[in-house]
Amino acid sequence: AKITTGWADQKVIREIMVFLHQHGVGTARAVRIFKTYGTDAVQVMSENPYRLARDIRGIGFRTADTIAEKLGIEKTAVIRLRAGVSFALAEAMGNGHCGLPRAELITLAEKLLDVPATLIESALHEELAEGTVIADRVGDAECIFLAGLYQAERAIAEHLQRIRRAPLPWSAIDADKALPWIEQKTGLTLAASQAEAIRLALRSKILVITGGPGVGKTTIVNSILRVLAAKAVKLLLCAPTGRAAKRMSEATGMEARTIHR
């Protein structure tokens, strides 16, 4: 009985692999598809190949779109248009955007999918109703976000607010005394903007310092660190990548680690 069952299972697997190969799916991807959907793989792909882009890491919209074309799915099919809305937002995310104004999203999706804007609008309405994407206002513009990214951004904002509201981990520092002290220690004369940044850092839990190369960001960071170290504050430096952590260590003379450590 076990041999018969095993043979039947292998026969099903072979049939699925043949089906996938016939529709342009390579062996490595076919294995991932089978592991994800099991014996339902053929049914899933036949009904909605765009699920592959959503469910399986390493398979994107373009791959799913190619498979859909081989299966005879029309360019104007609702399942393609709905998947295309998320694809357009993912493309924008690759350019650093968390979301897009509605009009810009429609224009981008229209270009990527090569279909009329009216069809994109209809698909977007369905995606919003299902909660796959979320609409929110940013200033005066109605923007559309991928649900997961929207929720992540909201969570990050809430955590930042929580940190900002918490008390400082050091006692009050008199910036009028700290600034001349740091200038004496470093032998540098701080620019007005650098001095203001240090003042703000000494009374804030969170501070963003930004600017191009050579504007004095490293001087600001080193000054903040030296003032806090003089107050016996425990310091920990971290960066998103190993290279950035190494650069921070070189610039400050202190150990810096990647964030995940």
Protein backbone atom coordinates (compact mmCIF):
# COMPACT_ATOMS: atom_id res chain seq x y z
CA ALA A 1 0.00 0.00 0.00
CA LYS A 2 2.85 2.38 0.90
CA ILE A 3 4.56 1.67 -2.42
CA THR A 4 1.32 2.31 -4.30
CA THR A 5 0.72 5.59 -2.43
CA GLY A 6 4.32 6.70 -2.95
CA TRP A 7 4.10 5.95 -6.66
CA ALA A 8 0.84 7.91 -6.94
CA ASP A 9 2.39 10.90 -5.14
CA GLN A 10 5.42 10.88 -7.42
CA LYS A 11 3.13 10.69 -10.46
CA VAL A 12 1.30 13.83 -9.26
CA ILE A 13 4.60 15.62 -8.66
CA ARG A 14 5.83 14.70 -12.15
CA GLU A 15 2.63 15.98 -13.72
CA ILE A 16 2.95 19.28 -11.83
CA MET A 17 6.60 19.69 -12.86
CA VAL A 18 5.74 18.99 -16.50
CA PHE A 19 2.94 21.57 -16.37
CA LEU A 20 5.24 24.18 -14.84
CA HIS A 21 8.04 23.53 -17.34
CA GLN A 22 5.58 23.79 -20.22
CA HIS A 23 4.71 27.30 -19.04
CA GLY A 24 8.26 28.58 -18.79
CA VAL A 25 8.98 27.82 -15.14
CA GLY A 26 12.50 26.56 -14.48
CA THR A 27 13.25 23.65 -12.17
CA ALA A 28 14.37 25.73 -9.16
CA ARG A 29 11.22 27.89 -9.25
CA ALA A 30 9.04 24.86 -9.94
CA VAL A 31 10.33 23.23 -6.76
CA ARG A 32 9.57 26.39 -4.74
CA ILE A 33 6.09 26.55 -6.24
CA PHE A 34 5.43 22.90 -5.41
CA LYS A 35 6.73 23.31 -1.85
CA THR A 36 4.39 26.28 -1.38
CA TYR A 37 1.20 24.92 -2.92
CA GLY A 38 1.74 21.17 -2.96
CA THR A 39 -0.68 19.25 -5.15
CA ASP A 40 -2.76 22.44 -5.62
CA ALA A 41 0.05 24.07 -7.61
CA VAL A 42 -1.53 23.54 -11.03
CA GLN A 43 -4.92 24.82 -9.85
CA VAL A 44 -3.40 27.91 -8.21
CA MET A 45 -1.35 28.80 -11.28
CA SER A 46 -4.24 28.20 -13.63
CA GLU A 47 -6.66 30.35 -11.62
CA ASN A 48 -4.29 33.17 -10.62
CA PRO A 49 -0.58 32.96 -11.47
CA TYR A 50 -0.09 36.39 -9.91
CA ARG A 51 -0.34 34.73 -6.50
CA LEU A 52 3.21 33.54 -7.16
CA ALA A 53 4.54 37.09 -6.83
CA ARG A 54 2.70 37.54 -3.54
CA ASP A 55 3.37 34.14 -1.97
CA ILE A 56 6.83 33.06 -3.14
CA ARG A 57 10.03 34.96 -2.46
CA GLY A 58 12.14 35.41 -5.58
CA ILE A 59 9.20 35.37 -8.00
CA GLY A 60 8.14 38.86 -8.98
CA PHE A 61 5.32 40.36 -10.98
CA ARG A 62 7.17 40.23 -14.30
CA THR A 63 7.80 36.48 -13.94
CA ALA A 64 4.18 35.87 -12.96
CA ASP A 65 3.07 38.05 -15.87
CA THR A 66 5.09 35.97 -18.32
CA ILE A 67 3.54 32.78 -16.96
CA ALA A 68 0.07 34.34 -17.15
CA GLU A 69 0.63 35.25 -20.79
CA LYS A 70 1.61 31.65 -21.58
CA LEU A 71 -1.59 30.54 -19.83
CA GLY A 72 -3.60 32.82 -22.10
CA ILE A 73 -4.60 35.41 -19.50
CA GLU A 74 -5.51 38.73 -21.13
CA LYS A 75 -3.64 41.96 -20.42
CA THR A 76 -6.90 43.50 -19.22
CA ALA A 77 -7.80 40.65 -16.86
CA VAL A 78 -8.83 41.89 -13.41
CA ILE A 79 -6.35 39.61 -11.62
CA ARG A 80 -3.52 41.13 -13.68
CA LEU A 81 -4.64 44.70 -13.07
CA ARG A 82 -5.03 44.18 -9.32
CA ALA A 83 -1.58 42.57 -9.06
CA GLY A 84 -0.24 45.40 -11.20
CA VAL A 85 -1.32 48.02 -8.67
CA SER A 86 0.89 46.40 -6.02
CA PHE A 87 3.65 45.99 -8.60
CA ALA A 88 3.59 49.71 -9.40
CA LEU A 89 3.83 50.56 -5.70
CA ALA A 90 6.70 48.09 -5.29
CA GLU A 91 8.51 49.76 -8.19
CA ALA A 92 8.05 53.14 -6.48
CA MET A 93 9.35 51.62 -3.23
CA GLY A 94 12.52 50.67 -5.10
CA ASN A 95 12.99 54.39 -5.74
CA GLY A 96 12.62 55.22 -2.05
CA HIS A 97 8.88 55.98 -1.89
CA CYS A 98 6.65 54.53 0.83
CA GLY A 99 3.58 55.39 -1.23
CA LEU A 100 2.43 57.46 -4.20
CA PRO A 101 -0.18 60.13 -4.80
CA ARG A 102 -3.20 58.44 -6.36
CA ALA A 103 -2.80 60.21 -9.71
CA GLU A 104 0.88 59.29 -9.95
CA LEU A 105 0.12 55.67 -9.13
CA ILE A 106 -2.51 55.49 -11.87
CA THR A 107 -0.09 56.99 -14.38
CA LEU A 108 2.73 54.62 -13.40
CA ALA A 109 0.52 51.52 -13.43
CA GLU A 110 -0.93 52.56 -16.80
CA LYS A 111 2.60 52.73 -18.19
CA LEU A 112 3.80 49.48 -16.61
CA LEU A 113 0.73 47.43 -17.53
CA ASP A 114 -0.02 49.07 -20.88
CA VAL A 115 -3.75 49.36 -20.22
CA PRO A 116 -6.17 52.33 -19.96
CA ALA A 117 -6.30 54.37 -16.76
CA THR A 118 -10.00 53.62 -16.27
CA LEU A 119 -9.20 49.93 -15.81
CA ILE A 120 -6.45 50.78 -13.30
CA GLU A 121 -8.92 52.90 -11.33
CA SER A 122 -11.36 50.00 -11.14
CA ALA A 123 -8.63 47.57 -10.01
CA LEU A 124 -7.39 50.07 -7.42
CA HIS A 125 -10.90 50.36 -6.02
CA GLU A 126 -11.01 46.58 -5.53
CA GLU A 127 -7.56 46.49 -3.93
CA LEU A 128 -8.57 49.25 -1.51
CA ALA A 129 -11.77 47.40 -0.62
CA GLU A 130 -9.80 44.23 0.13
CA GLY A 131 -7.18 46.09 2.18
CA THR A 132 -4.20 45.05 0.05
CA VAL A 133 -3.42 48.74 -0.35
CA ILE A 134 -4.38 51.64 1.92
CA ALA A 135 -5.31 55.24 1.16
CA ASP A 136 -4.28 58.09 3.44
CA ARG A 137 -3.72 61.79 3.06
CA VAL A 138 -0.25 63.30 3.10
CA GLY A 139 -0.69 67.04 3.20
CA ASP A 140 -3.26 67.84 0.53
CA ALA A 141 -2.62 64.70 -1.53
CA GLU A 142 -4.45 61.40 -1.30
CA CYS A 143 -1.73 58.75 -1.34
CA ILE A 144 -1.85 55.00 -1.80
CA PHE A 145 0.41 52.62 0.18
CA LEU A 146 1.06 48.91 0.22
CA ALA A 147 -0.67 47.73 3.40
CA GLY A 148 2.42 46.15 4.97
CA LEU A 149 4.59 49.19 4.29
CA TYR A 150 1.93 51.57 5.56
CA GLN A 151 1.58 49.64 8.80
CA ALA A 152 5.36 49.45 9.22
CA GLU A 153 5.72 53.19 8.72
CA ARG A 154 2.96 53.90 11.23
CA ALA A 155 4.57 51.56 13.76
CA ILE A 156 7.96 53.23 13.33
CA ALA A 157 6.39 56.66 13.80
CA GLU A 158 4.65 55.50 16.98
CA HIS A 159 7.91 54.08 18.37
CA LEU A 160 9.73 57.33 17.58
CA GLN A 161 7.03 59.32 19.35
CA ARG A 162 7.25 57.00 22.37
CA ILE A 163 11.02 57.45 22.54
CA ARG A 164 10.75 61.22 22.04
CA ARG A 165 8.29 61.58 24.93
CA ALA A 166 10.41 59.57 27.37
CA PRO A 167 12.75 61.40 29.80
CA LEU A 168 16.37 62.01 28.81
CA PRO A 169 18.81 59.36 30.02
CA TRP A 170 21.16 62.06 31.31
CA SER A 171 20.71 64.97 33.67
CA ALA A 172 20.30 68.49 32.28
CA ILE A 173 23.41 69.76 30.48
CA ASP A 174 24.15 73.49 30.23
CA ALA A 175 24.89 74.00 26.52
CA ASP A 176 26.28 77.51 27.17
CA LYS A 177 29.08 75.85 29.15
CA ALA A 178 29.36 72.68 27.05
CA LEU A 179 29.92 74.46 23.71
CA PRO A 180 32.98 76.53 24.77
CA TRP A 181 34.33 73.43 26.55
CA ILE A 182 34.10 71.28 23.42
CA GLU A 183 35.68 73.99 21.27
CA GLN A 184 38.58 74.17 23.73
CA LYS A 185 38.97 70.36 23.74
CA THR A 186 38.88 69.95 19.98
CA GLY A 187 40.56 73.19 18.94
CA LEU A 188 37.70 73.79 16.49
CA THR A 189 35.37 76.75 16.19
CA LEU A 190 31.83 75.52 15.67
CA ALA A 191 29.62 77.13 13.04
CA ALA A 192 26.33 78.57 14.26
CA SER A 193 24.38 75.69 12.68
CA GLN A 194 26.70 73.12 14.30
CA ALA A 195 26.33 74.75 17.71
CA GLU A 196 22.54 74.78 17.35
CA ALA A 197 22.54 71.09 16.36
CA ILE A 198 24.55 70.22 19.48
CA ARG A 199 22.24 72.29 21.69
CA LEU A 200 19.25 70.45 20.25
CA ALA A 201 20.91 67.04 20.68
CA LEU A 202 21.66 67.68 24.36
CA ARG A 203 17.96 68.19 25.09
CA SER A 204 16.47 65.63 22.69
CA LYS A 205 16.00 61.86 22.68
CA ILE A 206 15.96 61.78 18.87
CA LEU A 207 17.77 63.99 16.38
CA VAL A 208 18.30 63.69 12.63
CA ILE A 209 21.47 65.28 11.27
CA THR A 210 21.62 65.42 7.50
CA GLY A 211 23.73 67.09 4.84
CA GLY A 212 26.20 66.48 2.05
CA PRO A 213 29.90 65.59 2.39
CA GLY A 214 32.04 68.14 4.19
CA VAL A 215 29.27 70.12 5.89
CA GLY A 216 30.40 69.12 9.40
CA LYS A 217 28.21 66.18 10.39
CA THR A 218 31.14 64.21 11.83
CA THR A 219 32.24 67.22 13.90
CA ILE A 220 28.73 67.51 15.34
CA VAL A 221 28.55 63.81 16.20
CA ASN A 222 32.01 63.81 17.82
CA SER A 223 31.14 66.90 19.83
CA ILE A 224 27.90 65.36 21.11
CA LEU A 225 29.71 62.16 22.05
CA ARG A 226 32.49 63.96 23.90
CA VAL A 227 30.06 66.07 25.91
CA LEU A 228 27.97 63.03 26.89
CA ALA A 229 31.07 60.95 27.68
CA ALA A 230 32.25 63.71 30.00
CA LYS A 231 28.94 63.32 31.85
CA ALA A 232 29.58 59.55 32.21
CA VAL A 233 26.71 58.65 29.88
CA LYS A 234 26.90 55.08 28.53
CA LEU A 235 27.24 55.37 24.75
CA LEU A 236 26.49 52.85 22.02
CA LEU A 237 27.00 53.54 18.34
CA CYS A 238 25.25 51.57 15.60
CA ALA A 239 24.74 51.76 11.85
CA PRO A 240 22.60 49.86 9.32
CA THR A 241 25.55 48.22 7.54
CA GLY A 242 28.96 46.88 8.45
CA ARG A 243 30.69 49.40 6.21
CA ALA A 244 28.82 52.31 7.81
CA ALA A 245 29.66 50.98 11.28
CA LYS A 246 33.34 50.76 10.33
CA ARG A 247 33.29 54.32 9.00
CA MET A 248 31.62 55.51 12.21
CA SER A 249 34.29 53.81 14.31
CA GLU A 250 37.04 55.45 12.26
CA ALA A 251 35.40 58.87 12.55
CA THR A 252 34.68 58.74 16.28
CA GLY A 253 37.37 56.47 17.69
CA MET A 254 34.61 54.45 19.42
CA GLU A 255 33.26 50.98 18.73
CA ALA A 256 30.25 50.94 16.44
CA ARG A 257 28.11 47.91 15.56
CA THR A 258 25.50 47.05 12.99
CA ILE A 259 21.94 47.59 14.24
CA HIS A 260 20.98 43.90 14.17
CA ARG A 261 23.72 43.12 16.67
